[in-house]
């Protein structure tokens, strides 16, 4: 089974073939092929499978998924620029 973790697009190189970008997954950045989502923009969230961004994810859904994974202990809490905003239900 494959667990899809939403990642935030932090850079895009539209001059490369295929279109490539850097996606941050809970503090880990990876190069990802963005060719299947040519309309994607920096700051948006994607689901990636074997190095290819296969779908765009709504930011609220992505952040909620990341919060749940963090609560389950599947990912570590982050600090700094890419940290999750506070959960509005607990503040």
N, C-alpha and C. Protein backbone atom coordinates (compact mmCIF):
# COMPACT_ATOMS: atom_id res chain seq x y z
N UNK A 1 0.84 -1.18 0.00
CA UNK A 1 0.00 0.00 0.00
C UNK A 1 0.89 1.24 0.00
N UNK A 2 0.46 2.25 -0.70
CA UNK A 2 1.22 3.49 -0.82
C UNK A 2 0.47 4.60 -0.09
N UNK A 3 1.14 5.29 0.82
CA UNK A 3 0.56 6.41 1.53
C UNK A 3 0.93 7.69 0.79
N UNK A 4 -0.08 8.43 0.38
CA UNK A 4 0.17 9.68 -0.34
C UNK A 4 0.19 10.83 0.65
N UNK A 5 1.32 11.49 0.75
CA UNK A 5 1.45 12.65 1.62
C UNK A 5 1.46 13.89 0.74
N UNK A 6 0.59 14.87 1.04
CA UNK A 6 0.60 16.09 0.23
C UNK A 6 1.93 16.81 0.37
N UNK A 7 2.38 17.40 -0.72
CA UNK A 7 3.60 18.18 -0.72
C UNK A 7 3.35 19.55 -1.29
N UNK A 8 4.07 20.53 -0.78
CA UNK A 8 3.93 21.92 -1.23
C UNK A 8 4.99 22.23 -2.28
N UNK A 9 4.56 22.73 -3.42
CA UNK A 9 5.47 23.10 -4.50
C UNK A 9 6.22 24.37 -4.08
N UNK A 10 7.56 24.28 -4.03
CA UNK A 10 8.35 25.43 -3.59
C UNK A 10 9.12 26.09 -4.73
N UNK A 11 9.30 25.37 -5.84
CA UNK A 11 9.92 25.99 -7.02
C UNK A 11 9.52 25.19 -8.26
N UNK A 12 9.56 25.87 -9.40
CA UNK A 12 9.19 25.24 -10.67
C UNK A 12 10.19 25.68 -11.73
N UNK A 13 10.65 24.71 -12.54
CA UNK A 13 11.50 25.01 -13.68
C UNK A 13 10.72 24.67 -14.95
N UNK A 14 10.04 25.66 -15.50
CA UNK A 14 9.23 25.45 -16.71
C UNK A 14 10.09 25.40 -17.98
N UNK A 15 11.39 25.70 -17.85
CA UNK A 15 12.28 25.64 -19.01
C UNK A 15 12.84 24.24 -19.22
N UNK A 16 12.64 23.35 -18.26
CA UNK A 16 13.15 21.98 -18.42
C UNK A 16 12.10 21.12 -19.12
N UNK A 17 12.57 20.05 -19.73
CA UNK A 17 11.68 19.09 -20.37
C UNK A 17 12.00 17.73 -19.78
N UNK A 18 11.08 17.16 -19.03
CA UNK A 18 9.75 17.63 -18.64
C UNK A 18 9.84 18.75 -17.61
N UNK A 19 8.69 19.40 -17.35
CA UNK A 19 8.63 20.45 -16.32
C UNK A 19 8.94 19.80 -14.97
N UNK A 20 9.90 20.37 -14.26
CA UNK A 20 10.31 19.84 -12.96
C UNK A 20 10.13 20.90 -11.88
N UNK A 21 10.07 20.44 -10.65
CA UNK A 21 9.96 21.36 -9.53
C UNK A 21 10.47 20.71 -8.26
N UNK A 22 10.53 21.51 -7.22
CA UNK A 22 10.88 21.02 -5.90
C UNK A 22 9.60 21.04 -5.07
N UNK A 23 9.34 19.91 -4.40
CA UNK A 23 8.15 19.77 -3.57
C UNK A 23 8.61 19.41 -2.17
N UNK A 24 8.03 20.12 -1.17
CA UNK A 24 8.38 19.90 0.22
C UNK A 24 7.33 19.01 0.87
N UNK A 25 7.77 17.86 1.39
CA UNK A 25 6.91 16.90 2.08
C UNK A 25 7.25 16.92 3.56
N UNK A 26 6.52 17.69 4.32
CA UNK A 26 6.71 17.74 5.78
C UNK A 26 8.18 17.95 6.15
N UNK A 27 8.84 18.85 5.46
CA UNK A 27 10.22 19.20 5.77
C UNK A 27 11.27 18.54 4.90
N UNK A 28 10.88 17.61 4.04
CA UNK A 28 11.81 16.94 3.15
C UNK A 28 11.51 17.39 1.72
N UNK A 29 12.49 17.96 1.05
CA UNK A 29 12.29 18.46 -0.32
C UNK A 29 12.81 17.46 -1.34
N UNK A 30 12.04 17.28 -2.39
CA UNK A 30 12.40 16.35 -3.46
C UNK A 30 12.12 16.97 -4.82
N UNK A 31 12.93 16.60 -5.80
CA UNK A 31 12.66 16.98 -7.19
C UNK A 31 11.52 16.11 -7.69
N UNK A 32 10.56 16.74 -8.36
CA UNK A 32 9.35 16.04 -8.82
C UNK A 32 9.04 16.50 -10.25
N UNK A 33 8.58 15.56 -11.06
CA UNK A 33 8.11 15.91 -12.40
C UNK A 33 6.72 16.52 -12.28
N UNK A 34 6.55 17.73 -12.80
CA UNK A 34 5.27 18.44 -12.75
C UNK A 34 4.59 18.50 -14.12
N UNK A 35 5.11 17.75 -15.07
CA UNK A 35 4.64 17.83 -16.46
C UNK A 35 3.16 17.49 -16.60
N UNK A 36 2.62 16.63 -15.75
CA UNK A 36 1.21 16.25 -15.86
C UNK A 36 0.29 17.30 -15.27
N UNK A 37 0.86 18.29 -14.58
CA UNK A 37 0.08 19.39 -13.99
C UNK A 37 0.68 20.72 -14.41
N UNK A 38 0.66 21.03 -15.71
CA UNK A 38 1.35 22.22 -16.19
C UNK A 38 0.82 23.54 -15.61
N UNK A 39 -0.40 23.53 -15.06
CA UNK A 39 -0.98 24.76 -14.51
C UNK A 39 -0.60 24.99 -13.05
N UNK A 40 0.10 24.04 -12.43
CA UNK A 40 0.43 24.14 -11.01
C UNK A 40 1.30 25.36 -10.75
N UNK A 41 1.12 25.98 -9.59
CA UNK A 41 1.85 27.19 -9.21
C UNK A 41 2.61 26.96 -7.91
N UNK A 42 3.64 27.75 -7.70
CA UNK A 42 4.39 27.71 -6.44
C UNK A 42 3.42 28.01 -5.30
N UNK A 43 3.54 27.23 -4.23
CA UNK A 43 2.68 27.40 -3.06
C UNK A 43 1.48 26.47 -3.04
N UNK A 44 1.19 25.82 -4.18
CA UNK A 44 0.08 24.88 -4.22
C UNK A 44 0.57 23.49 -3.78
N UNK A 45 -0.39 22.64 -3.45
CA UNK A 45 -0.08 21.29 -2.95
C UNK A 45 -0.40 20.24 -4.00
N UNK A 46 0.41 19.19 -4.01
CA UNK A 46 0.24 18.10 -4.97
C UNK A 46 0.38 16.76 -4.26
N UNK A 47 -0.15 15.72 -4.90
CA UNK A 47 0.09 14.34 -4.51
C UNK A 47 1.06 13.78 -5.54
N UNK A 48 2.10 13.09 -5.07
CA UNK A 48 3.16 12.59 -5.94
C UNK A 48 3.22 11.06 -5.84
N UNK A 49 3.37 10.42 -6.99
CA UNK A 49 3.57 8.98 -7.03
C UNK A 49 4.78 8.69 -7.91
N UNK A 50 5.72 7.95 -7.39
CA UNK A 50 6.98 7.60 -8.05
C UNK A 50 7.63 8.77 -8.79
N UNK A 51 7.66 9.92 -8.13
CA UNK A 51 8.34 11.08 -8.69
C UNK A 51 7.53 11.96 -9.62
N UNK A 52 6.26 11.62 -9.84
CA UNK A 52 5.39 12.41 -10.72
C UNK A 52 4.23 13.00 -9.92
N UNK A 53 4.03 14.31 -10.05
CA UNK A 53 2.85 14.94 -9.44
C UNK A 53 1.64 14.49 -10.24
N UNK A 54 0.70 13.80 -9.56
CA UNK A 54 -0.44 13.23 -10.29
C UNK A 54 -1.73 13.98 -10.05
N UNK A 55 -1.79 14.80 -9.00
CA UNK A 55 -3.00 15.59 -8.78
C UNK A 55 -2.72 16.77 -7.88
N UNK A 56 -3.49 17.81 -8.07
CA UNK A 56 -3.44 18.99 -7.22
C UNK A 56 -4.37 18.75 -6.05
N UNK A 57 -3.98 19.25 -4.87
CA UNK A 57 -4.79 19.09 -3.66
C UNK A 57 -5.10 20.46 -3.10
N UNK A 58 -6.33 20.64 -2.66
CA UNK A 58 -6.74 21.87 -2.01
C UNK A 58 -5.87 22.11 -0.77
N UNK A 59 -5.44 23.34 -0.55
CA UNK A 59 -4.54 23.64 0.57
C UNK A 59 -5.14 23.24 1.91
N UNK A 60 -6.41 23.52 2.14
CA UNK A 60 -7.02 23.16 3.43
C UNK A 60 -7.01 21.65 3.64
N UNK A 61 -7.33 20.89 2.59
CA UNK A 61 -7.31 19.43 2.68
C UNK A 61 -5.88 18.92 2.93
N UNK A 62 -4.92 19.53 2.25
CA UNK A 62 -3.52 19.12 2.43
C UNK A 62 -3.06 19.38 3.86
N UNK A 63 -3.37 20.56 4.39
CA UNK A 63 -2.94 20.89 5.75
C UNK A 63 -3.63 20.01 6.78
N UNK A 64 -4.91 19.69 6.57
CA UNK A 64 -5.62 18.80 7.48
C UNK A 64 -5.01 17.40 7.45
N UNK A 65 -4.68 16.90 6.27
CA UNK A 65 -4.04 15.59 6.15
C UNK A 65 -2.70 15.58 6.88
N UNK A 66 -1.91 16.64 6.71
CA UNK A 66 -0.62 16.72 7.37
C UNK A 66 -0.78 16.79 8.89
N UNK A 67 -1.80 17.53 9.39
CA UNK A 67 -2.06 17.59 10.82
C UNK A 67 -2.41 16.20 11.38
N UNK A 68 -3.27 15.48 10.65
CA UNK A 68 -3.67 14.15 11.09
C UNK A 68 -2.49 13.19 11.11
N UNK A 69 -1.65 13.24 10.08
CA UNK A 69 -0.46 12.39 10.04
C UNK A 69 0.49 12.72 11.19
N UNK A 70 0.59 14.01 11.52
CA UNK A 70 1.43 14.44 12.62
C UNK A 70 0.88 13.90 13.94
N UNK A 71 -0.44 14.00 14.13
CA UNK A 71 -1.08 13.49 15.36
C UNK A 71 -0.90 11.98 15.50
N UNK A 72 -0.90 11.27 14.38
CA UNK A 72 -0.73 9.81 14.40
C UNK A 72 0.73 9.41 14.59
N UNK A 73 1.64 10.39 14.54
CA UNK A 73 3.05 10.12 14.69
C UNK A 73 3.72 9.62 13.42
N UNK A 74 3.03 9.76 12.29
CA UNK A 74 3.58 9.31 11.01
C UNK A 74 4.59 10.30 10.43
N UNK A 75 4.46 11.57 10.79
CA UNK A 75 5.43 12.59 10.38
C UNK A 75 5.77 13.41 11.61
N UNK A 76 6.93 14.05 11.59
CA UNK A 76 7.39 14.85 12.71
C UNK A 76 6.90 16.28 12.57
N UNK A 77 6.56 16.94 13.70
CA UNK A 77 6.20 18.35 13.64
C UNK A 77 7.34 19.16 13.06
N UNK A 78 7.01 20.17 12.29
CA UNK A 78 8.01 21.00 11.64
C UNK A 78 8.06 22.36 12.29
N UNK A 79 9.19 23.03 12.16
CA UNK A 79 9.32 24.41 12.60
C UNK A 79 9.91 25.20 11.45
N UNK A 80 9.67 26.49 11.47
CA UNK A 80 10.22 27.34 10.42
C UNK A 80 9.21 27.64 9.34
N UNK A 81 9.72 28.03 8.18
CA UNK A 81 8.90 28.54 7.08
C UNK A 81 7.83 27.56 6.63
N UNK A 82 8.13 26.27 6.58
CA UNK A 82 7.18 25.28 6.07
C UNK A 82 6.36 24.62 7.16
N UNK A 83 6.35 25.18 8.39
CA UNK A 83 5.60 24.55 9.46
C UNK A 83 4.11 24.71 9.21
N UNK A 84 3.35 23.81 9.81
CA UNK A 84 1.90 23.84 9.66
C UNK A 84 1.32 24.97 10.49
N UNK A 85 0.30 25.66 9.98
CA UNK A 85 -0.37 26.66 10.80
C UNK A 85 -1.12 25.95 11.92
N UNK A 86 -1.44 26.65 13.02
CA UNK A 86 -2.15 26.00 14.11
C UNK A 86 -3.52 25.51 13.65
N UNK A 87 -3.97 24.41 14.25
CA UNK A 87 -5.29 23.87 13.96
C UNK A 87 -6.32 24.82 14.53
N UNK A 88 -7.22 25.37 13.70
CA UNK A 88 -8.19 26.35 14.19
C UNK A 88 -9.16 25.75 15.21
N UNK A 89 -9.34 24.43 15.22
CA UNK A 89 -10.26 23.80 16.17
C UNK A 89 -9.67 23.69 17.57
N UNK A 90 -8.35 23.86 17.70
CA UNK A 90 -7.71 23.73 19.02
C UNK A 90 -7.20 25.05 19.57
N UNK A 91 -7.41 26.15 18.85
CA UNK A 91 -6.94 27.45 19.34
C UNK A 91 -8.07 28.30 19.79
